[in-house]
């Protein structure tokens, strides 16, 4: 019975992880108007599946970390009650956040679940120093690094673009190529080519594009392709970093002796399904409710986030893709007057609440399972 609960709870966690996390890779592409929701969702799903498959090679350290080894007593590691409680607490927390459209960290929820279930089963056995050094520190530092890197690199990248003679202009996408427009003193729009006034029904019909060419290639086309490639890289990094964390719960229990590769396939599929079917609310929050991003800004944010997450995965460090990718958006948003800092504050508050919420729920689950 405990093994069955563990399997179902782990699959629920994988589903919740996909619903809350998958679209984060494509949020900037969708928000900048480079892809519609369906295309961005497809890109994020394929990238996550590729990263999940690659996690077989680099999963060792993360599997050990999120199975509880070194954090709780050896007698607790592998106990189905402990692992099921961790999965239940983390899954419930992530599902709740997804329901209200808040992008939280599955990693943070798992850490809270490990601590809460560990305290419930072995109150004096939790390794607090390991919890701080091995989990809290990377989770705290990684978004600060991402935000700082984005905040420092963005003005530098903008200066380089301007020095290369590449200018940003507003256009209305009436066809290919897009038609540049100018803003009048009265706040209206006129087509630059003809001078005719223009009425736009939806703000989304206007977008910022880059004029100019680099190495003989139209700059806007080049940025679009690089932006999409950076979104795929971030989705790959997310699959690489998150799949072993969920898989660790099943591997630690060695449920029915099933080959870990089969477990990985099931977990990756559940993550993809959750992202495909239930990502819309978190997608809108990240793409449109924090700040408006241009293609270049989105490309920079994704590049910073994917570099940090892939590096952390190779080192076995339990960073949060959510914290890193959103931190990069915050860093660029610091230069934009369009940033909704009230929404940003709400997201940070949700991050702070994730760990104690998951800990309480996991502790309650462990108690109900007979801890």
Protein backbone atom coordinates (compact mmCIF):
# COMPACT_ATOMS: atom_id res chain seq x y z
CA UNK A 1 0.00 0.00 0.00
CA UNK A 2 2.78 2.45 0.88
CA UNK A 3 4.58 1.72 -2.38
CA UNK A 4 1.36 2.34 -4.32
CA UNK A 5 0.88 5.67 -2.53
CA UNK A 6 4.50 6.59 -3.24
CA UNK A 7 4.17 5.82 -6.96
CA UNK A 8 0.92 7.77 -7.33
CA UNK A 9 2.24 10.71 -5.30
CA UNK A 10 5.47 10.80 -7.35
CA UNK A 11 3.51 10.82 -10.60
CA UNK A 12 1.31 13.61 -9.22
CA UNK A 13 4.47 15.53 -8.35
CA UNK A 14 5.87 14.99 -11.87
CA UNK A 15 2.57 16.21 -13.35
CA UNK A 16 2.54 19.27 -11.07
CA UNK A 17 6.18 19.97 -11.90
CA UNK A 18 5.41 19.98 -15.62
CA UNK A 19 2.33 22.17 -15.18
CA UNK A 20 4.23 24.75 -13.12
CA UNK A 21 7.69 24.54 -14.66
CA UNK A 22 7.64 23.38 -18.29
CA UNK A 23 6.52 26.64 -19.87
CA UNK A 24 9.12 28.68 -18.03
CA UNK A 25 11.55 27.80 -20.79
CA UNK A 26 9.35 29.41 -23.47
CA UNK A 27 7.87 32.24 -21.41
CA UNK A 28 10.09 34.93 -22.94
CA UNK A 29 9.48 33.68 -26.50
CA UNK A 30 5.74 33.79 -25.92
CA UNK A 31 5.87 37.12 -24.09
CA UNK A 32 7.92 38.80 -26.84
CA UNK A 33 5.50 37.57 -29.52
CA UNK A 34 8.06 35.41 -31.30
CA UNK A 35 5.78 32.34 -30.97
CA UNK A 36 2.14 31.81 -30.12
CA UNK A 37 1.11 29.79 -27.07
CA UNK A 38 0.75 26.49 -28.95
CA UNK A 39 4.18 26.77 -30.56
CA UNK A 40 5.87 27.86 -27.35
CA UNK A 41 4.24 24.98 -25.46
CA UNK A 42 5.43 22.50 -28.10
CA UNK A 43 8.99 23.85 -27.93
CA UNK A 44 9.05 23.66 -24.12
CA UNK A 45 7.70 20.09 -24.10
CA UNK A 46 10.24 18.78 -26.62
CA UNK A 47 13.09 20.51 -24.77
CA UNK A 48 12.00 19.03 -21.43
CA UNK A 49 11.80 15.51 -22.87
CA UNK A 50 15.29 15.88 -24.34
CA UNK A 51 16.65 17.11 -21.01
CA UNK A 52 14.91 14.30 -19.13
CA UNK A 53 16.52 11.73 -21.43
CA UNK A 54 19.95 13.30 -20.97
CA UNK A 55 19.56 13.31 -17.18
CA UNK A 56 20.43 9.60 -17.20
CA UNK A 57 24.06 10.64 -17.69
CA UNK A 58 24.28 13.31 -14.97
CA UNK A 59 21.62 12.21 -12.50
CA UNK A 60 23.79 10.53 -9.87
CA UNK A 61 24.38 13.41 -7.48
CA UNK A 62 20.83 14.76 -7.66
CA UNK A 63 19.37 11.28 -7.17
CA UNK A 64 21.33 10.93 -3.95
CA UNK A 65 20.48 14.45 -2.73
CA UNK A 66 16.73 14.15 -3.22
CA UNK A 67 16.46 10.62 -1.86
CA UNK A 68 17.32 12.09 1.55
CA UNK A 69 20.80 10.60 1.87
CA UNK A 70 22.91 12.68 4.26
CA UNK A 71 19.91 14.72 5.34
CA UNK A 72 17.99 12.15 7.39
CA UNK A 73 19.23 9.03 9.26
CA UNK A 74 20.16 6.02 7.13
CA UNK A 75 17.25 4.09 8.63
CA UNK A 76 14.84 6.67 7.20
CA UNK A 77 16.35 6.81 3.68
CA UNK A 78 14.38 4.41 1.51
CA UNK A 79 11.50 4.15 4.00
CA UNK A 80 8.33 4.25 1.80
CA UNK A 81 6.51 6.27 4.50
CA UNK A 82 9.16 8.99 4.34
CA UNK A 83 9.36 9.06 0.54
CA UNK A 84 5.58 9.00 0.06
CA UNK A 85 5.16 11.86 2.55
CA UNK A 86 7.81 13.93 0.73
CA UNK A 87 6.06 13.37 -2.61
CA UNK A 88 2.61 14.15 -1.19
CA UNK A 89 3.74 17.36 0.50
CA UNK A 90 5.66 18.63 -2.52
CA UNK A 91 2.94 17.68 -5.03
CA UNK A 92 0.17 19.37 -3.03
CA UNK A 93 2.22 22.57 -2.71
CA UNK A 94 3.08 22.80 -6.42
CA UNK A 95 -0.47 21.94 -7.53
CA UNK A 96 -1.86 24.70 -5.30
CA UNK A 97 0.55 27.29 -6.74
CA UNK A 98 -0.21 26.17 -10.29
CA UNK A 99 -3.93 26.53 -9.64
CA UNK A 100 -3.48 30.24 -8.83
CA UNK A 101 -0.89 30.83 -11.58
CA UNK A 102 2.17 31.40 -9.38
CA UNK A 103 5.55 30.06 -10.62
CA UNK A 104 7.12 28.36 -7.60
CA UNK A 105 10.03 25.97 -7.28
CA UNK A 106 9.49 22.20 -7.26
CA UNK A 107 13.02 21.96 -5.86
CA UNK A 108 12.03 24.19 -2.94
CA UNK A 109 8.88 22.12 -2.39
CA UNK A 110 10.92 18.91 -2.35
CA UNK A 111 13.41 20.34 0.12
CA UNK A 112 10.53 21.39 2.36
CA UNK A 113 9.02 17.93 1.99
CA UNK A 114 12.30 16.24 2.91
CA UNK A 115 12.65 18.41 6.01
CA UNK A 116 9.03 18.09 7.13
CA UNK A 117 8.78 14.33 6.65
CA UNK A 118 12.24 13.83 8.18
CA UNK A 119 11.27 15.77 11.30
CA UNK A 120 8.01 13.84 11.62
CA UNK A 121 9.70 10.43 11.40
CA UNK A 122 13.01 11.18 13.13
CA UNK A 123 12.64 14.48 15.07
CA UNK A 124 16.25 14.54 16.28
CA UNK A 125 17.84 13.03 13.19
CA UNK A 126 17.58 15.87 10.66
CA UNK A 127 21.02 17.16 9.58
CA UNK A 128 20.42 20.89 9.85
CA UNK A 129 23.88 21.85 8.64
CA UNK A 130 23.52 19.69 5.54
CA UNK A 131 20.11 21.24 4.95
CA UNK A 132 21.60 24.73 5.07
CA UNK A 133 24.82 24.15 3.13
CA UNK A 134 23.59 21.61 0.63
CA UNK A 135 20.09 22.90 -0.09
CA UNK A 136 19.28 26.37 1.27
CA UNK A 137 22.50 28.04 0.14
CA UNK A 138 22.27 27.04 -3.56
CA UNK A 139 18.56 27.88 -3.63
CA UNK A 140 19.25 31.33 -2.17
CA UNK A 141 22.32 32.22 -4.19
CA UNK A 142 21.23 31.02 -7.65
CA UNK A 143 18.40 33.53 -8.29
CA UNK A 144 20.57 36.36 -6.97
CA UNK A 145 23.30 35.34 -9.41
CA UNK A 146 20.81 35.20 -12.28
CA UNK A 147 19.28 38.59 -11.44
CA UNK A 148 22.69 40.21 -10.98
CA UNK A 149 24.08 38.76 -14.21
CA UNK A 150 21.03 39.88 -16.19
CA UNK A 151 21.01 43.33 -14.61
CA UNK A 152 24.71 43.84 -15.39
CA UNK A 153 24.83 42.29 -18.86
CA UNK A 154 21.66 43.83 -20.28
CA UNK A 155 22.89 47.45 -20.53
CA UNK A 156 26.19 46.16 -21.94
CA UNK A 157 24.37 44.12 -24.60
CA UNK A 158 22.16 47.11 -25.46
CA UNK A 159 25.22 49.32 -25.89
CA UNK A 160 26.88 46.75 -28.19
CA UNK A 161 23.69 46.55 -30.28
CA UNK A 162 23.57 50.32 -30.66
CA UNK A 163 27.28 50.50 -31.56
CA UNK A 164 26.66 47.96 -34.33
CA UNK A 165 24.00 50.26 -35.78
CA UNK A 166 21.14 47.90 -34.96
CA UNK A 167 18.11 49.94 -33.93
CA UNK A 168 14.89 48.85 -32.30
CA UNK A 169 11.67 50.03 -33.92
CA UNK A 170 7.98 49.47 -33.36
CA UNK A 171 6.15 47.66 -36.13
CA UNK A 172 2.73 46.25 -36.88
CA UNK A 173 2.77 42.70 -38.21
CA UNK A 174 0.64 43.18 -41.34
CA UNK A 175 2.69 40.76 -43.35
CA UNK A 176 6.25 39.83 -44.17
CA UNK A 177 8.33 41.88 -43.72
CA UNK A 178 6.60 43.72 -40.82
CA UNK A 179 5.64 47.33 -41.55
CA UNK A 180 7.43 49.98 -39.40
CA UNK A 181 5.25 52.64 -37.78
CA UNK A 182 5.93 55.99 -36.10
CA UNK A 183 4.30 57.56 -33.06
CA UNK A 184 2.74 61.00 -33.58
CA UNK A 185 2.76 63.85 -31.06
CA UNK A 186 -0.89 63.09 -30.33
CA UNK A 187 -0.07 59.47 -29.49
CA UNK A 188 -1.40 57.97 -32.72
CA UNK A 189 0.34 55.63 -35.14
CA UNK A 190 1.19 56.24 -38.80
CA UNK A 191 2.73 53.86 -41.33
CA UNK A 192 6.27 55.10 -41.89
CA UNK A 193 6.26 54.05 -45.54
CA UNK A 194 3.11 56.01 -46.52
CA UNK A 195 2.35 58.38 -43.63
CA UNK A 196 -1.20 57.06 -43.41
CA UNK A 197 -2.75 56.94 -39.92
CA UNK A 198 -3.27 53.51 -38.45
CA UNK A 199 -5.70 52.15 -35.88
CA UNK A 200 -4.71 48.98 -34.01
CA UNK A 201 -7.43 47.06 -32.20
CA UNK A 202 -5.12 44.92 -30.03
CA UNK A 203 -1.88 46.02 -28.40
CA UNK A 204 -0.40 42.58 -29.20
CA UNK A 205 -0.52 43.50 -32.91
CA UNK A 206 2.43 45.84 -32.27
CA UNK A 207 5.87 44.46 -31.54
CA UNK A 208 9.43 45.69 -31.23
CA UNK A 209 11.72 44.55 -34.04
CA UNK A 210 15.38 45.14 -34.89
CA UNK A 211 16.42 46.96 -38.05
CA UNK A 212 19.77 46.26 -39.65
CA UNK A 213 21.85 43.30 -40.72
CA UNK A 214 24.73 41.41 -39.12
CA UNK A 215 27.09 39.36 -41.30
CA UNK A 216 24.58 39.80 -44.11
CA UNK A 217 21.69 38.32 -42.10
CA UNK A 218 18.58 40.30 -41.18
CA UNK A 219 18.98 41.06 -37.48
CA UNK A 220 15.37 40.33 -36.55
CA UNK A 221 15.50 36.89 -38.18
CA UNK A 222 18.79 36.11 -36.41
CA UNK A 223 17.48 37.20 -33.00
CA UNK A 224 14.27 35.20 -33.46
CA UNK A 225 16.22 32.02 -34.18
CA UNK A 226 18.66 32.58 -31.33
CA UNK A 227 15.80 33.37 -28.96
CA UNK A 228 14.04 30.12 -29.82
CA UNK A 229 17.32 28.21 -29.46
CA UNK A 230 17.87 29.76 -26.02
CA UNK A 231 14.33 28.71 -24.99
CA UNK A 232 15.09 25.14 -26.05
CA UNK A 233 18.36 25.26 -24.08
CA UNK A 234 16.51 26.43 -20.95
CA UNK A 235 13.84 23.73 -21.36
CA UNK A 236 16.59 21.15 -21.81
CA UNK A 237 18.31 22.42 -18.66
CA UNK A 238 15.02 22.20 -16.75
CA UNK A 239 14.44 18.59 -17.78
CA UNK A 240 18.05 17.77 -16.97
CA UNK A 241 17.80 19.33 -13.49
CA UNK A 242 14.27 18.44 -12.40
CA UNK A 243 13.72 14.87 -13.63
CA UNK A 244 16.28 13.25 -11.27
CA UNK A 245 14.73 15.06 -8.29
CA UNK A 246 11.34 13.41 -8.81
CA UNK A 247 12.89 10.13 -9.93
CA UNK A 248 14.98 10.03 -6.73
CA UNK A 249 11.90 9.22 -4.65
CA UNK A 250 11.15 6.09 -6.71
CA UNK A 251 14.77 4.99 -7.00
CA UNK A 252 15.33 5.36 -3.23
CA UNK A 253 12.38 3.03 -2.56
CA UNK A 254 13.48 0.60 -5.30
CA UNK A 255 9.79 0.01 -6.01
CA UNK A 256 9.21 -3.53 -7.24
CA UNK A 257 12.73 -3.68 -8.60
CA UNK A 258 11.70 -1.76 -11.75
CA UNK A 259 14.56 -0.62 -13.97
CA UNK A 260 15.26 3.08 -13.21
CA UNK A 261 15.14 3.79 -16.95
CA UNK A 262 11.51 2.72 -17.00
CA UNK A 263 10.81 4.95 -14.00
CA UNK A 264 12.56 7.84 -15.75
CA UNK A 265 10.41 7.37 -18.86
CA UNK A 266 7.23 7.40 -16.78
CA UNK A 267 8.31 10.48 -14.80
CA UNK A 268 9.37 12.37 -17.95
CA UNK A 269 6.05 11.53 -19.60
CA UNK A 270 4.05 12.74 -16.60
CA UNK A 271 6.04 16.00 -16.56
CA UNK A 272 5.39 16.52 -20.27
CA UNK A 273 1.67 15.78 -19.87
CA UNK A 274 1.31 18.24 -16.98
CA UNK A 275 3.06 20.97 -18.97
CA UNK A 276 1.00 20.27 -22.08
CA UNK A 277 -2.39 20.31 -20.34
CA UNK A 278 -2.11 22.70 -17.39
CA UNK A 279 0.60 25.33 -18.06
CA UNK A 280 -1.56 28.22 -19.24
CA UNK A 281 -1.96 30.20 -16.01
CA UNK A 282 1.71 30.14 -15.06
CA UNK A 283 2.58 30.90 -18.71
CA UNK A 284 0.51 34.10 -18.65
CA UNK A 285 2.10 35.21 -15.37
CA UNK A 286 5.66 34.78 -16.60
CA UNK A 287 5.09 36.00 -20.15
CA UNK A 288 2.88 39.04 -19.56
CA UNK A 289 2.34 39.91 -15.90
CA UNK A 290 5.90 40.60 -14.63
CA UNK A 291 7.33 42.79 -17.39
CA UNK A 292 7.27 43.11 -21.17
CA UNK A 293 10.37 41.66 -22.82
CA UNK A 294 11.80 42.29 -26.27
CA UNK A 295 13.40 39.49 -28.26
CA UNK A 296 16.90 40.52 -27.24
CA UNK A 297 15.96 40.74 -23.58
CA UNK A 298 14.33 37.31 -23.68
CA UNK A 299 17.36 35.84 -25.43
CA UNK A 300 19.68 37.22 -22.74
CA UNK A 301 17.46 36.01 -19.87
CA UNK A 302 17.24 32.49 -21.30
CA UNK A 303 20.96 32.33 -22.01
CA UNK A 304 21.88 33.28 -18.44
CA UNK A 305 19.32 30.93 -16.89
CA UNK A 306 20.19 27.89 -19.02
CA UNK A 307 23.93 28.36 -18.40
CA UNK A 308 23.45 28.49 -14.62
CA UNK A 309 21.03 25.54 -14.49
CA UNK A 310 23.09 23.25 -16.74
CA UNK A 311 26.24 24.10 -14.76
CA UNK A 312 24.47 23.36 -11.48
CA UNK A 313 23.14 20.06 -12.86
CA UNK A 314 26.63 18.94 -13.85
CA UNK A 315 27.85 19.80 -10.35
CA UNK A 316 24.89 18.06 -8.69
CA UNK A 317 23.80 21.30 -7.01
CA UNK A 318 20.06 21.49 -6.21
CA UNK A 319 19.21 24.87 -7.76
CA UNK A 320 15.72 25.84 -8.86
CA UNK A 321 15.04 26.44 -12.55
CA UNK A 322 12.11 28.59 -11.47
CA UNK A 323 14.21 30.83 -9.25
CA UNK A 324 16.99 31.14 -11.83
CA UNK A 325 14.80 31.87 -14.87
CA UNK A 326 12.51 34.25 -13.00
CA UNK A 327 15.51 35.90 -11.36
CA UNK A 328 16.94 36.64 -14.82
CA UNK A 329 13.63 38.23 -15.83
CA UNK A 330 13.69 40.32 -12.64
CA UNK A 331 17.22 41.48 -13.46
CA UNK A 332 16.22 42.73 -16.90
CA UNK A 333 12.92 44.07 -15.56
CA UNK A 334 14.91 46.36 -13.26
CA UNK A 335 15.72 48.43 -16.38
CA UNK A 336 12.11 48.61 -17.55
CA UNK A 337 9.40 51.01 -16.43
CA UNK A 338 6.81 48.40 -17.49
CA UNK A 339 7.78 45.99 -14.69
CA UNK A 340 4.97 45.18 -12.27
CA UNK A 341 6.88 45.06 -9.01
CA UNK A 342 3.73 44.21 -7.08
CA UNK A 343 3.47 40.97 -9.07
CA UNK A 344 7.21 40.36 -8.64
CA UNK A 345 6.84 40.82 -4.87
CA UNK A 346 3.95 38.35 -4.84
CA UNK A 347 6.07 35.76 -6.64
CA UNK A 348 8.94 36.19 -4.16
CA UNK A 349 6.45 35.84 -1.29
CA UNK A 350 5.23 32.57 -2.84
CA UNK A 351 8.86 31.40 -3.00
CA UNK A 352 9.31 32.16 0.70
CA UNK A 353 6.13 30.30 1.58
CA UNK A 354 6.87 27.23 -0.54
CA UNK A 355 9.26 25.52 1.87
CA UNK A 356 7.25 25.82 5.12
CA UNK A 357 4.03 24.91 3.29
CA UNK A 358 5.59 21.75 1.81
CA UNK A 359 7.21 20.91 5.15
CA UNK A 360 3.90 21.13 7.01
CA UNK A 361 2.03 19.10 4.41
CA UNK A 362 4.76 16.45 4.25
CA UNK A 363 4.89 16.24 8.04
CA UNK A 364 1.11 15.79 8.17
CA UNK A 365 1.30 13.13 5.47
CA UNK A 366 4.05 11.26 7.36
CA UNK A 367 1.94 11.35 10.55
CA UNK A 368 -1.15 10.07 8.70
CA UNK A 369 0.92 7.22 7.18
CA UNK A 370 1.95 6.06 10.63
CA UNK A 371 5.20 7.90 11.35
